[in-house]
Amino acid sequence: MTVKTIKYSTGELAFFAAFDSQKNSLPKAAGREAANAWLKANGIATKRVEFYHYSDLRRKFSKSQNYGAAETNVTLAAIKAHPTIAAFDEADYQSIIFVDGKLRSDLSDTGASLANNPTDWAVENLTQADNKNHVDNLTRTMWRDGICLDIEKSSDKPIHLIFVNSGQSDVAHFNRHYIKLADNVKATLIESHINLDDEPSFNLHHFNFKLGTAANLTHFVVNGENNQAVNICRTQGDYADKVELNSTALAIGGAWTRREGDLYCNGSNMDLKISGAVLAGGEQHIDNSYIVHHKLPENISFQRFKNVIDDKAHAIFQGKVIVAIDAQKTDGQQMSQSILLSDDASISTKPELEIYADDVECAHGATVGALDEDTLFYLRARGIPKKIAQRLLIHAFVAEISDELPEALNIAADKLITVWLNAHLEA
């Protein structure tokens, strides 16, 4: 019998030691020891794991990383003054605010803490011992808080999840979230990640979504952190019949950002749109990697990502559609379009199809290039300066991903895109 031997990095050893020393102070939850054992048996993902080939998780865990609870003091005014949050001024929303990994009920309008009021679904999920995803097991091991949100009635008023890093602590934060929509419920969820100063931050989130029959969810995400932030978010989606999902992510901040997901079509006649825009400069690393699992017939999924990459930044799109043998009449599409603004900018794109049914319409595509010189010449010939012409073209290219958002969210996306373009393409 072959015995698997793993040589741990100093960062992995620090993580395991932190769990051993702090596990008695963490909220009581079954499954922690099993998740930690899985990580010890498999290690934290490196580039040798295909799903993390472009984003080596293990390298983000350093020997000097601190773990534990953080006590911080911030004001609601400071949070709302942040440019990312201020962009939503025209949206009338209910807020759920986390500061340094902890739900702050005193700053929030709604929300129940996973640590204090877990739902039955969350408790059941946390007891599962057969999880084989690295981010899933990292958060199962070290989570301290999260949100439990059961949405049972439709509302036009968005819920705004705001994750704040105060800079008052360099502790790593691990959260798990459980968000459930009842049958026929329509809801809008905003998700924002920010830093209040220039200090480093390290966050891992695992979002669990369960959408009932004919549920309709609009989910808009903004990564607006500073240039020392590490942010890793994973989504596990369980979708029933006739679900409509419009999920849009705008990545404009952070040093190292990864959004990944496994989305399961466990019903029929659903329509999933997973979109994203990356605006990256400096040496940013921004990764969008999603797998859509079509289990049953007559579902539509469309993954569309647009990337604008400057300086030495690196963007990644990995999209995969898996069509099971029973998922006839599946329509699974993927498209990645990228504009490189410098010779040192790079894009890694890897769309995949894994099809076991024979009556499907599935396709993928990718384009990479510079701004069209003929169009630039046309604009400049009409007296528009080069940088302004570039901004106009890039804005039109990126803004398409927010076209189907509600008006207030579209306005916010437009503001944030404009701010980034003005900063990176000065006239």
Protein backbone atom coordinates (compact mmCIF):
# COMPACT_ATOMS: atom_id res chain seq x y z
CA MET A 1 0.00 0.00 0.00
CA THR A 2 1.30 3.46 -0.95
CA VAL A 3 1.29 6.00 1.86
CA LYS A 4 0.76 9.60 0.78
CA THR A 5 3.32 11.90 2.37
CA ILE A 6 2.87 15.67 2.36
CA LYS A 7 5.59 18.18 3.06
CA TYR A 8 3.81 21.14 4.61
CA SER A 9 4.81 24.74 3.96
CA THR A 10 5.57 27.00 6.92
CA GLY A 11 2.26 28.76 6.21
CA GLU A 12 0.32 25.49 6.40
CA LEU A 13 2.05 24.58 9.66
CA ALA A 14 1.12 28.00 11.08
CA PHE A 15 -2.53 27.47 10.06
CA PHE A 16 -2.72 24.01 11.64
CA ALA A 17 -1.04 25.25 14.82
CA ALA A 18 -3.45 28.18 15.04
CA PHE A 19 -6.45 25.85 14.78
CA ASP A 20 -5.09 23.53 17.47
CA SER A 21 -4.51 26.43 19.85
CA GLN A 22 -7.78 28.28 19.14
CA LYS A 23 -10.38 25.60 18.38
CA ASN A 24 -11.87 25.75 21.86
CA SER A 25 -12.52 29.48 21.47
CA LEU A 26 -14.28 29.09 18.10
CA PRO A 27 -18.10 28.79 17.90
CA LYS A 28 -19.20 25.22 18.55
CA ALA A 29 -19.76 23.39 15.26
CA ALA A 30 -19.50 19.83 14.09
CA GLY A 31 -17.26 19.29 11.10
CA ARG A 32 -14.28 21.42 12.10
CA GLU A 33 -12.02 18.49 12.97
CA ALA A 34 -13.00 16.60 9.81
CA ALA A 35 -12.26 19.64 7.64
CA ASN A 36 -8.89 20.16 9.33
CA ALA A 37 -8.06 16.48 8.87
CA TRP A 38 -8.90 16.75 5.16
CA LEU A 39 -6.55 19.72 4.80
CA LYS A 40 -3.79 17.84 6.59
CA ALA A 41 -4.30 14.87 4.27
CA ASN A 42 -4.40 16.95 1.08
CA GLY A 43 -2.60 20.19 1.89
CA ILE A 44 -3.76 23.65 0.85
CA ALA A 45 -4.16 23.84 -2.93
CA THR A 46 -1.13 24.58 -5.07
CA LYS A 47 -0.83 24.96 -8.83
CA ARG A 48 -0.74 21.17 -9.07
CA VAL A 49 -4.49 21.18 -8.36
CA GLU A 50 -6.07 21.91 -11.75
CA PHE A 51 -8.80 24.21 -10.43
CA TYR A 52 -6.10 26.37 -8.76
CA HIS A 53 -3.52 26.12 -11.53
CA TYR A 54 -3.39 29.90 -12.00
CA SER A 55 -3.93 30.80 -8.33
CA ASP A 56 -1.71 29.04 -5.82
CA LEU A 57 -3.64 29.22 -2.54
CA ARG A 58 -0.85 27.81 -0.41
CA ARG A 59 1.44 30.73 -1.25
CA LYS A 60 -1.06 33.15 0.31
CA PHE A 61 -0.72 31.46 3.71
CA SER A 62 2.44 32.84 5.28
CA LYS A 63 4.36 31.77 8.37
CA SER A 64 3.72 35.15 9.97
CA GLN A 65 -0.05 35.24 9.33
CA ASN A 66 -2.05 35.93 12.48
CA TYR A 67 -5.28 34.12 13.36
CA GLY A 68 -7.84 34.82 16.04
CA ALA A 69 -10.60 37.22 17.04
CA ALA A 70 -10.21 40.94 16.38
CA GLU A 71 -11.62 43.77 18.50
CA THR A 72 -12.10 46.88 16.42
CA ASN A 73 -13.99 50.14 16.56
CA VAL A 74 -15.33 51.80 13.40
CA THR A 75 -18.23 54.12 12.70
CA LEU A 76 -21.07 53.78 10.23
CA ALA A 77 -20.14 57.18 8.83
CA ALA A 78 -16.62 55.96 7.98
CA ILE A 79 -18.03 52.93 6.20
CA LYS A 80 -20.56 54.91 4.16
CA ALA A 81 -17.90 57.46 3.20
CA HIS A 82 -15.80 54.80 1.46
CA PRO A 83 -15.96 55.36 -2.33
CA THR A 84 -17.28 51.86 -3.01
CA ILE A 85 -20.16 52.22 -0.53
CA ALA A 86 -20.81 55.85 -1.47
CA ALA A 87 -21.39 54.71 -5.06
CA PHE A 88 -24.64 53.10 -3.85
CA ASP A 89 -26.06 56.32 -2.40
CA GLU A 90 -28.94 56.17 -4.86
CA ALA A 91 -29.88 52.64 -3.81
CA ASP A 92 -32.31 52.38 -0.89
CA TYR A 93 -30.97 49.26 0.82
CA GLN A 94 -30.91 47.35 4.09
CA SER A 95 -27.37 46.81 5.34
CA ILE A 96 -25.67 43.80 6.93
CA ILE A 97 -22.21 44.89 8.03
CA PHE A 98 -19.24 42.76 9.02
CA VAL A 99 -16.16 44.42 10.49
CA ASP A 100 -12.99 42.34 10.59
CA GLY A 101 -14.92 39.12 10.11
CA LYS A 102 -17.59 39.75 12.77
CA LEU A 103 -21.24 40.67 12.20
CA ARG A 104 -21.89 44.08 13.72
CA SER A 105 -25.57 44.18 14.62
CA ASP A 106 -25.13 47.69 16.03
CA LEU A 107 -24.19 48.94 12.54
CA SER A 108 -26.59 46.73 10.56
CA ASP A 109 -30.27 47.00 9.65
CA THR A 110 -30.91 43.24 9.58
CA GLY A 111 -29.26 39.81 9.65
CA ALA A 112 -28.71 36.86 12.00
CA SER A 113 -25.23 35.71 13.01
CA LEU A 114 -24.12 32.17 12.13
CA ALA A 115 -22.17 32.10 15.39
CA ASN A 116 -25.19 32.96 17.54
CA ASN A 117 -28.30 31.95 15.55
CA PRO A 118 -27.49 29.24 13.00
CA THR A 119 -30.38 27.94 10.92
CA ASP A 120 -31.14 24.23 10.70
CA TRP A 121 -29.79 24.21 7.15
CA ALA A 122 -26.50 25.78 8.29
CA VAL A 123 -26.12 23.30 11.16
CA GLU A 124 -26.78 20.39 8.80
CA ASN A 125 -24.34 21.73 6.23
CA LEU A 126 -21.59 22.23 8.81
CA THR A 127 -21.82 18.56 9.86
CA GLN A 128 -21.01 17.29 6.35
CA ALA A 129 -17.70 15.45 6.33
CA ASP A 130 -17.23 14.58 2.65
CA ASN A 131 -16.20 17.99 1.33
CA LYS A 132 -13.36 18.00 -1.18
CA ASN A 133 -12.88 21.68 -1.92
CA HIS A 134 -9.98 23.59 -0.38
CA VAL A 135 -11.77 26.89 0.35
CA ASP A 136 -14.75 24.99 1.71
CA ASN A 137 -12.56 23.09 4.17
CA LEU A 138 -10.46 26.12 5.11
CA THR A 139 -13.58 28.03 6.13
CA ARG A 140 -15.16 24.99 7.80
CA THR A 141 -12.05 24.71 9.94
CA MET A 142 -11.59 28.33 11.01
CA TRP A 143 -14.88 30.21 10.60
CA ARG A 144 -15.79 32.60 13.41
CA ASP A 145 -18.94 34.19 12.03
CA GLY A 146 -21.19 34.51 9.02
CA ILE A 147 -24.72 35.42 7.99
CA CYS A 148 -27.84 33.25 8.05
CA LEU A 149 -30.41 34.86 5.80
CA ASP A 150 -33.78 33.28 4.99
CA ILE A 151 -35.68 35.46 2.54
CA GLU A 152 -39.34 34.44 2.56
CA LYS A 153 -40.99 37.47 0.92
CA SER A 154 -40.18 39.39 -2.23
CA SER A 155 -38.86 42.92 -1.89
CA ASP A 156 -37.67 45.68 -4.19
CA LYS A 157 -35.31 46.87 -1.44
CA PRO A 158 -31.82 45.36 -1.85
CA ILE A 159 -29.91 43.78 1.00
CA HIS A 160 -26.34 45.10 1.11
CA LEU A 161 -23.69 42.83 2.61
CA ILE A 162 -20.71 45.04 3.48
CA PHE A 163 -17.43 43.40 4.53
CA VAL A 164 -15.09 45.91 6.16
CA ASN A 165 -11.42 45.58 7.00
CA SER A 166 -10.64 48.24 9.57
CA GLY A 167 -6.85 48.04 9.45
CA GLN A 168 -6.76 47.82 13.23
CA SER A 169 -5.75 44.16 13.11
CA ASP A 170 -3.77 41.95 10.74
CA VAL A 171 -5.78 38.85 11.71
CA ALA A 172 -7.05 36.57 8.92
CA HIS A 173 -10.85 36.32 8.77
CA PHE A 174 -12.85 33.23 7.80
CA ASN A 175 -16.62 33.44 7.23
CA ARG A 176 -19.38 31.09 6.09
CA HIS A 177 -22.71 32.44 4.87
CA TYR A 178 -26.09 30.75 4.33
CA ILE A 179 -28.58 32.56 2.10
CA LYS A 180 -31.91 30.97 1.20
CA LEU A 181 -34.73 32.22 -1.03
CA ALA A 182 -38.15 30.62 -0.63
CA ASP A 183 -40.26 29.55 -3.62
CA ASN A 184 -41.36 32.41 -5.92
CA VAL A 185 -39.36 35.01 -3.99
CA LYS A 186 -37.61 37.84 -5.83
CA ALA A 187 -34.66 39.55 -4.13
CA THR A 188 -31.61 41.70 -4.79
CA LEU A 189 -28.34 41.23 -2.94
CA ILE A 190 -25.38 43.63 -3.05
CA GLU A 191 -22.02 42.44 -1.75
CA SER A 192 -19.17 44.90 -1.15
CA HIS A 193 -15.63 44.30 0.16
CA ILE A 194 -13.62 47.30 1.36
CA ASN A 195 -10.62 48.45 3.42
CA LEU A 196 -10.78 51.61 5.52
CA ASP A 197 -7.01 52.18 5.29
CA ASP A 198 -3.90 50.95 3.47
CA GLU A 199 -3.03 48.08 5.81
CA PRO A 200 -2.90 44.44 4.53
CA SER A 201 -5.98 42.22 4.95
CA PHE A 202 -6.74 38.53 4.43
CA ASN A 203 -10.30 37.21 4.02
CA LEU A 204 -11.88 33.89 3.05
CA HIS A 205 -15.65 33.61 2.51
CA HIS A 206 -17.79 30.61 1.65
CA PHE A 207 -21.28 31.52 0.41
CA ASN A 208 -23.98 28.85 0.38
CA PHE A 209 -27.04 29.73 -1.70
CA LYS A 210 -30.26 27.72 -1.85
CA LEU A 211 -32.85 29.07 -4.28
CA GLY A 212 -36.35 27.58 -4.20
CA THR A 213 -38.69 26.94 -7.12
CA ALA A 214 -39.13 30.03 -9.34
CA ALA A 215 -36.91 32.13 -7.07
CA ASN A 216 -35.34 35.17 -8.74
CA LEU A 217 -32.05 36.56 -7.40
CA THR A 218 -30.01 39.53 -8.61
CA HIS A 219 -26.56 39.45 -6.98
CA PHE A 220 -24.08 42.29 -7.56
CA VAL A 221 -20.57 42.07 -6.09
CA VAL A 222 -17.88 44.76 -5.86
CA ASN A 223 -14.31 44.12 -4.75
CA GLY A 224 -13.13 47.57 -3.73
CA GLU A 225 -10.25 46.73 -1.39
CA ASN A 226 -6.81 48.31 -1.21
CA ASN A 227 -3.69 47.13 -3.02
CA GLN A 228 -2.56 44.90 -0.14
CA ALA A 229 -5.77 42.93 0.26
CA VAL A 230 -6.17 39.18 -0.27
CA ASN A 231 -9.78 38.13 -0.80
CA ILE A 232 -10.96 34.61 -1.62
CA CYS A 233 -14.70 33.99 -2.09
CA ARG A 234 -16.37 30.71 -2.94
CA THR A 235 -20.02 30.15 -3.87
CA GLN A 236 -21.90 26.86 -3.61
CA GLY A 237 -25.25 27.16 -5.34
CA ASP A 238 -28.24 24.80 -5.12
CA TYR A 239 -30.93 25.85 -7.59
CA ALA A 240 -34.43 24.41 -8.02
CA ASP A 241 -36.91 24.49 -10.95
CA LYS A 242 -37.47 27.78 -12.81
CA VAL A 243 -34.81 29.72 -10.93
CA GLU A 244 -33.62 32.98 -12.45
CA LEU A 245 -30.16 34.16 -11.38
CA ASN A 246 -28.34 37.29 -12.50
CA SER A 247 -24.95 37.30 -10.77
CA THR A 248 -22.55 40.13 -11.66
CA ALA A 249 -19.11 40.81 -10.15
CA LEU A 250 -17.04 43.96 -10.59
CA ALA A 251 -13.40 43.60 -9.51
CA ILE A 252 -11.59 46.91 -9.27
CA GLY A 253 -9.54 46.50 -6.10
CA GLY A 254 -7.44 44.10 -4.08
CA ALA A 255 -3.95 42.75 -4.58
CA TRP A 256 -4.96 39.08 -4.94
CA THR A 257 -8.61 38.23 -5.52
CA ARG A 258 -10.27 34.95 -6.42
CA ARG A 259 -13.96 34.28 -6.90
CA GLU A 260 -14.85 30.65 -7.50
CA GLY A 261 -18.02 28.64 -7.53
CA ASP A 262 -19.77 25.34 -8.02
CA LEU A 263 -23.32 26.04 -9.19
CA TYR A 264 -25.70 23.09 -9.30
CA CYS A 265 -28.76 23.10 -11.55
CA ASN A 266 -30.87 20.66 -9.52
CA GLY A 267 -34.07 21.52 -11.36
CA SER A 268 -35.29 22.34 -14.86
CA ASN A 269 -36.31 25.44 -16.85
CA MET A 270 -33.87 27.76 -15.10
CA ASP A 271 -31.87 30.68 -16.48
CA LEU A 272 -28.48 31.46 -14.94
CA LYS A 273 -26.39 34.47 -15.95
CA ILE A 274 -22.93 34.69 -14.36
CA SER A 275 -21.12 37.85 -15.46
CA GLY A 276 -18.07 39.77 -14.39
CA ALA A 277 -15.78 42.64 -15.23
CA VAL A 278 -12.16 42.94 -14.17
CA LEU A 279 -10.38 46.30 -14.16
CA ALA A 280 -6.84 45.55 -13.06
CA GLY A 281 -3.61 47.52 -12.89
CA GLY A 282 -0.30 47.50 -11.03
CA GLU A 283 0.49 43.89 -10.12
CA GLN A 284 -3.04 42.80 -9.28
CA HIS A 285 -4.03 39.15 -9.59
CA ILE A 286 -7.77 38.64 -10.18
CA ASP A 287 -9.26 35.19 -10.81
CA ASN A 288 -12.83 34.21 -11.76
CA SER A 289 -13.33 30.43 -11.86
CA TYR A 290 -16.79 28.86 -12.04
CA ILE A 291 -18.18 25.39 -12.70
CA VAL A 292 -21.85 25.06 -13.66
CA HIS A 293 -23.26 21.56 -13.12
CA HIS A 294 -26.28 20.84 -15.34
CA LYS A 295 -28.01 17.89 -13.72
CA LEU A 296 -31.49 17.97 -15.29
CA PRO A 297 -33.00 18.95 -18.69
CA GLU A 298 -33.88 22.28 -20.26
CA ASN A 299 -31.68 24.75 -18.44
CA ILE A 300 -29.74 27.77 -19.66
CA SER A 301 -26.45 29.06 -18.29
CA PHE A 302 -24.37 31.90 -19.66
CA GLN A 303 -20.95 32.85 -18.27
CA ARG A 304 -19.63 36.16 -19.61
CA PHE A 305 -16.51 37.93 -18.34
CA LYS A 306 -14.81 41.09 -19.58
CA ASN A 307 -11.27 42.00 -18.56
CA VAL A 308 -9.32 45.24 -18.92
CA ILE A 309 -5.74 44.70 -17.79
CA ASP A 310 -3.02 47.33 -17.42
CA ASP A 311 0.58 47.47 -16.17
CA LYS A 312 1.75 44.03 -14.90
CA ALA A 313 -1.66 42.81 -13.76
CA HIS A 314 -2.88 39.27 -14.41
CA ALA A 315 -6.51 38.24 -14.87
CA ILE A 316 -7.85 34.69 -15.06
CA PHE A 317 -11.09 33.23 -16.34
CA GLN A 318 -11.76 29.52 -15.87
CA GLY A 319 -15.26 28.52 -16.83
CA LYS A 320 -16.55 24.99 -17.02
CA VAL A 321 -19.93 23.57 -17.96
CA ILE A 322 -20.64 19.96 -16.99
CA VAL A 323 -23.72 18.46 -18.65
CA ALA A 324 -24.93 15.19 -17.11
CA ILE A 325 -26.45 12.44 -19.23
CA ASP A 326 -29.97 13.38 -18.05
CA ALA A 327 -29.53 17.08 -18.82
CA GLN A 328 -30.88 17.05 -22.38
CA LYS A 329 -31.81 20.39 -24.03
CA THR A 330 -29.10 22.19 -22.04
CA ASP A 331 -27.88 25.54 -23.36
CA GLY A 332 -24.51 26.30 -21.75
CA GLN A 333 -22.49 29.24 -23.06
CA GLN A 334 -19.20 30.82 -22.00
CA MET A 335 -17.45 33.93 -23.29
CA SER A 336 -14.32 35.74 -22.10
CA GLN A 337 -13.26 39.02 -23.74
CA SER A 338 -10.08 40.84 -22.73
CA ILE A 339 -8.31 44.08 -23.56
CA LEU A 340 -4.62 44.43 -22.72
CA LEU A 341 -3.46 48.00 -22.14
CA SER A 342 0.25 47.25 -21.72
CA ASP A 343 2.84 44.81 -23.01
CA ASP A 344 3.30 43.38 -19.50
CA ALA A 345 -0.38 42.75 -18.80
CA SER A 346 -1.53 39.13 -19.07
CA ILE A 347 -4.71 37.07 -19.27
CA SER A 348 -5.17 33.34 -18.71
CA THR A 349 -8.43 32.01 -20.07
CA LYS A 350 -9.64 28.42 -19.95
CA PRO A 351 -13.26 27.73 -20.92
CA GLU A 352 -14.23 24.05 -20.82
CA LEU A 353 -17.15 21.82 -21.76
CA GLU A 354 -17.73 18.35 -20.32
CA ILE A 355 -20.80 16.93 -22.00
CA TYR A 356 -22.45 13.54 -21.45
CA ALA A 357 -25.83 14.33 -23.10
CA ASP A 358 -26.38 14.33 -26.87
CA ASP A 359 -29.11 16.97 -27.36
CA VAL A 360 -27.47 20.20 -26.19
CA GLU A 361 -26.39 23.63 -27.39
CA CYS A 362 -23.09 24.42 -25.68
CA ALA A 363 -20.25 26.64 -26.81
CA HIS A 364 -17.34 28.68 -25.50
CA GLY A 365 -15.17 31.44 -26.84
CA ALA A 366 -12.42 33.86 -25.89
CA THR A 367 -10.93 36.99 -27.41
CA VAL A 368 -7.78 38.88 -26.38
CA GLY A 369 -6.46 42.06 -27.94
CA ALA A 370 -5.72 45.76 -27.69
CA LEU A 371 -8.10 48.65 -28.26
CA ASP A 372 -9.14 48.93 -31.89
CA GLU A 373 -6.82 51.44 -33.56
CA ASP A 374 -9.29 52.36 -36.31
CA THR A 375 -11.96 53.30 -33.77
CA LEU A 376 -9.42 55.28 -31.75
CA PHE A 377 -8.37 57.14 -34.90
CA TYR A 378 -12.01 57.91 -35.73
CA LEU A 379 -12.57 59.48 -32.29
CA ARG A 380 -9.28 61.39 -32.31
CA ALA A 381 -10.02 62.72 -35.79
CA ARG A 382 -13.06 64.39 -34.25
CA GLY A 383 -11.01 66.23 -31.68
CA ILE A 384 -11.24 63.80 -28.77
CA PRO A 385 -7.90 63.45 -26.90
CA LYS A 386 -6.37 59.97 -26.93
CA LYS A 387 -6.83 59.18 -23.22
CA ILE A 388 -10.45 60.32 -23.25
CA ALA A 389 -11.09 58.26 -26.37
CA GLN A 390 -9.58 55.23 -24.65
CA ARG A 391 -11.76 55.79 -21.60
CA LEU A 392 -14.89 56.03 -23.75
CA LEU A 393 -14.15 52.78 -25.56
CA ILE A 394 -13.22 50.86 -22.43
CA HIS A 395 -16.26 52.14 -20.54
CA ALA A 396 -18.58 51.00 -23.32
CA PHE A 397 -16.82 47.61 -23.40
CA VAL A 398 -17.10 46.99 -19.64
CA ALA A 399 -20.47 48.61 -18.91
CA GLU A 400 -22.31 45.93 -20.87
CA ILE A 401 -22.02 43.54 -17.93
CA SER A 402 -24.21 45.78 -15.77
CA ASP A 403 -26.92 46.50 -18.36
CA GLU A 404 -29.39 44.05 -16.84
CA LEU A 405 -28.95 45.26 -13.26
CA PRO A 406 -31.61 47.42 -11.56
CA GLU A 407 -31.11 51.12 -12.31
CA ALA A 408 -29.60 52.07 -8.94
CA LEU A 409 -27.02 49.27 -9.20
CA ASN A 410 -26.26 50.14 -12.80
CA ILE A 411 -25.59 53.73 -11.71
CA ALA A 412 -23.25 52.49 -8.95
CA ALA A 413 -21.36 50.27 -11.40
CA ASP A 414 -21.03 53.20 -13.81
CA LYS A 415 -19.57 55.41 -11.06
CA LEU A 416 -17.04 52.79 -10.00
CA ILE A 417 -15.93 52.05 -13.56
CA THR A 418 -15.52 55.78 -14.23
CA VAL A 419 -13.39 56.29 -11.11
CA TRP A 420 -11.06 53.45 -12.12
CA LEU A 421 -10.71 54.71 -15.69
CA ASN A 422 -10.01 58.27 -14.56
CA ALA A 423 -7.27 57.00 -12.24
CA HIS A 424 -5.60 54.68 -14.75
CA LEU A 425 -6.08 56.67 -17.93
CA GLU A 426 -5.46 60.29 -16.95
CA ALA A 427 -6.07 62.83 -19.68
